[in-house]
């Protein structure tokens, strides 16, 4: 009779031990199996934002003899680049005309840029703010994915 009781106790202990082990493995497995869901947009934006401090560290940077890139930022789905136009003099009408002529060229450049194109495809907008040496904005050029679709590339 002692053997039967001893086997019963041993069997109960074994079942209890297996239950504890299974519980530990289940908790460990579920912690490891958790997936992080990230959209392509989130991934591209977070990658861009990770590079942004390094990009800005190298600014200002002269683009051409009349244009200097001052800074690049990101806010609410918009990449904002600030440029200074050096030696640009004109009345408001000629400045607007210059911006209107420059717009299509800059939009095409943005659409053809590989990184910018990927961001545009996930609905990130690019906004170029062109200012004079005193910091007054002369004109702005906005580029959205729909601009690229309507351009003849």
Protein backbone atom coordinates (compact mmCIF):
# COMPACT_ATOMS: atom_id res chain seq x y z
CA UNK A 1 0.00 0.00 0.00
CA UNK A 2 2.87 2.34 0.71
CA UNK A 3 4.13 1.77 -2.81
CA UNK A 4 0.82 2.87 -4.34
CA UNK A 5 0.67 6.02 -2.20
CA UNK A 6 4.31 6.78 -2.95
CA UNK A 7 3.72 6.38 -6.67
CA UNK A 8 0.64 8.56 -6.46
CA UNK A 9 2.60 11.29 -4.67
CA UNK A 10 5.46 10.97 -7.13
CA UNK A 11 3.05 11.13 -10.08
CA UNK A 12 1.38 14.22 -8.60
CA UNK A 13 4.75 15.89 -8.07
CA UNK A 14 5.79 15.03 -11.61
CA UNK A 15 2.58 16.47 -13.06
CA UNK A 16 3.00 19.61 -10.94
CA UNK A 17 6.64 19.98 -12.01
CA UNK A 18 5.74 19.54 -15.68
CA UNK A 19 2.99 22.15 -15.30
CA UNK A 20 5.45 24.64 -13.81
CA UNK A 21 8.01 23.97 -16.55
CA UNK A 22 5.37 24.33 -19.27
CA UNK A 23 4.20 27.61 -17.74
CA UNK A 24 7.73 29.02 -17.66
CA UNK A 25 8.37 28.06 -21.30
CA UNK A 26 5.01 29.49 -22.37
CA UNK A 27 5.80 32.86 -20.76
CA UNK A 28 9.32 32.93 -22.21
CA UNK A 29 8.05 31.94 -25.64
CA UNK A 30 5.30 34.53 -25.71
CA UNK A 31 7.75 37.28 -24.73
CA UNK A 32 10.06 36.30 -27.59
CA UNK A 33 7.26 35.87 -30.13
CA UNK A 34 5.94 39.41 -29.83
CA UNK A 35 6.11 41.14 -33.18
CA UNK A 36 6.75 44.80 -33.71
CA UNK A 37 4.49 46.02 -36.46
CA UNK A 38 5.88 48.99 -38.36
CA UNK A 39 4.55 50.43 -41.58
CA UNK A 40 6.85 51.15 -44.48
CA UNK A 41 6.20 54.86 -43.88
CA UNK A 42 7.21 54.58 -40.22
CA UNK A 43 10.35 52.68 -41.19
CA UNK A 44 11.41 55.16 -43.88
CA UNK A 45 10.67 58.20 -41.72
CA UNK A 46 12.46 56.78 -38.68
CA UNK A 47 15.47 55.90 -40.85
CA UNK A 48 15.49 59.44 -42.26
CA UNK A 49 15.16 60.98 -38.79
CA UNK A 50 18.06 58.87 -37.54
CA UNK A 51 20.28 60.36 -40.28
CA UNK A 52 19.02 63.94 -39.86
CA UNK A 53 21.42 65.03 -37.07
CA UNK A 54 24.41 63.90 -39.15
CA UNK A 55 23.07 65.69 -42.23
CA UNK A 56 22.52 68.93 -40.31
CA UNK A 57 25.97 68.66 -38.73
CA UNK A 58 27.42 69.33 -42.20
CA UNK A 59 25.26 72.41 -42.84
CA UNK A 60 25.25 75.12 -44.01
CA UNK A 61 26.40 73.85 -47.39
CA UNK A 62 26.76 75.79 -50.61
CA UNK A 63 24.60 74.25 -53.36
CA UNK A 64 25.71 76.64 -56.09
CA UNK A 65 27.11 80.15 -56.27
CA UNK A 66 23.78 81.70 -55.23
CA UNK A 67 22.19 79.03 -53.00
CA UNK A 68 23.13 77.73 -49.56
CA UNK A 69 21.30 74.90 -47.79
CA UNK A 70 20.92 76.06 -44.19
CA UNK A 71 18.98 73.26 -42.48
CA UNK A 72 16.70 70.27 -42.93
CA UNK A 73 13.95 69.36 -40.49
CA UNK A 74 10.89 67.16 -40.22
CA UNK A 75 7.49 67.99 -38.79
CA UNK A 76 4.05 66.41 -39.25
CA UNK A 77 4.87 64.48 -42.41
CA UNK A 78 6.83 67.30 -44.05
CA UNK A 79 10.58 67.48 -44.70
CA UNK A 80 11.42 71.17 -44.49
CA UNK A 81 14.60 72.46 -46.12
CA UNK A 82 15.67 76.07 -45.62
CA UNK A 83 17.81 77.71 -48.29
CA UNK A 84 19.40 81.12 -48.46
CA UNK A 85 19.56 82.84 -51.82
CA UNK A 86 22.71 84.97 -51.90
CA UNK A 87 22.78 88.16 -53.89
CA UNK A 88 19.15 87.78 -54.94
CA UNK A 89 17.58 91.19 -55.43
CA UNK A 90 14.19 91.84 -56.87
CA UNK A 91 10.73 93.16 -56.32
CA UNK A 92 8.02 90.81 -55.02
CA UNK A 93 6.68 90.22 -58.56
CA UNK A 94 10.05 89.17 -60.00
CA UNK A 95 10.72 86.97 -56.95
CA UNK A 96 7.38 85.20 -57.45
CA UNK A 97 8.15 84.71 -61.17
CA UNK A 98 11.56 83.29 -60.31
CA UNK A 99 9.95 80.85 -57.83
CA UNK A 100 7.32 79.87 -60.40
CA UNK A 101 10.00 79.12 -63.03
CA UNK A 102 12.21 77.27 -60.55
CA UNK A 103 9.37 75.16 -59.10
CA UNK A 104 8.97 72.60 -61.92
CA UNK A 105 12.74 72.04 -62.14
CA UNK A 106 13.07 71.46 -58.39
CA UNK A 107 9.99 69.24 -58.30
CA UNK A 108 11.45 67.06 -61.04
CA UNK A 109 14.79 66.84 -59.19
CA UNK A 110 12.99 65.83 -56.00
CA UNK A 111 10.90 63.21 -57.79
CA UNK A 112 13.98 61.70 -59.45
CA UNK A 113 15.98 61.48 -56.21
CA UNK A 114 15.85 57.85 -55.01
CA UNK A 115 15.47 58.51 -51.27
CA UNK A 116 13.07 61.41 -51.70
CA UNK A 117 11.00 59.39 -54.15
CA UNK A 118 10.57 56.60 -51.59
CA UNK A 119 9.45 59.09 -48.96
CA UNK A 120 7.08 60.77 -51.42
CA UNK A 121 5.49 57.38 -52.19
CA UNK A 122 4.54 57.00 -48.51
CA UNK A 123 2.99 60.50 -48.49
CA UNK A 124 5.84 62.48 -47.00
CA UNK A 125 5.88 65.99 -48.43
CA UNK A 126 8.97 68.11 -49.18
CA UNK A 127 8.90 71.84 -48.59
CA UNK A 128 11.73 74.12 -49.68
CA UNK A 129 11.79 77.54 -48.06
CA UNK A 130 13.93 80.03 -49.93
CA UNK A 131 14.93 83.08 -47.95
CA UNK A 132 17.12 86.12 -48.28
CA UNK A 133 20.20 86.82 -46.14
CA UNK A 134 17.99 88.49 -43.49
CA UNK A 135 15.87 85.36 -43.06
CA UNK A 136 12.76 86.64 -44.85
CA UNK A 137 11.10 83.89 -46.88
CA UNK A 138 11.03 84.88 -50.55
CA UNK A 139 9.08 81.85 -51.81
CA UNK A 140 8.34 78.22 -51.01
CA UNK A 141 8.22 75.14 -53.19
CA UNK A 142 6.18 72.15 -52.06
CA UNK A 143 6.53 68.68 -53.58
CA UNK A 144 4.01 65.88 -53.00
CA UNK A 145 3.76 62.45 -54.56
CA UNK A 146 0.92 63.66 -56.79
CA UNK A 147 3.34 66.22 -58.29
CA UNK A 148 5.61 63.38 -59.37
CA UNK A 149 2.75 61.46 -60.93
CA UNK A 150 1.77 64.47 -63.01
CA UNK A 151 5.33 65.29 -64.16
CA UNK A 152 6.60 64.08 -67.47
CA UNK A 153 9.81 62.40 -66.35
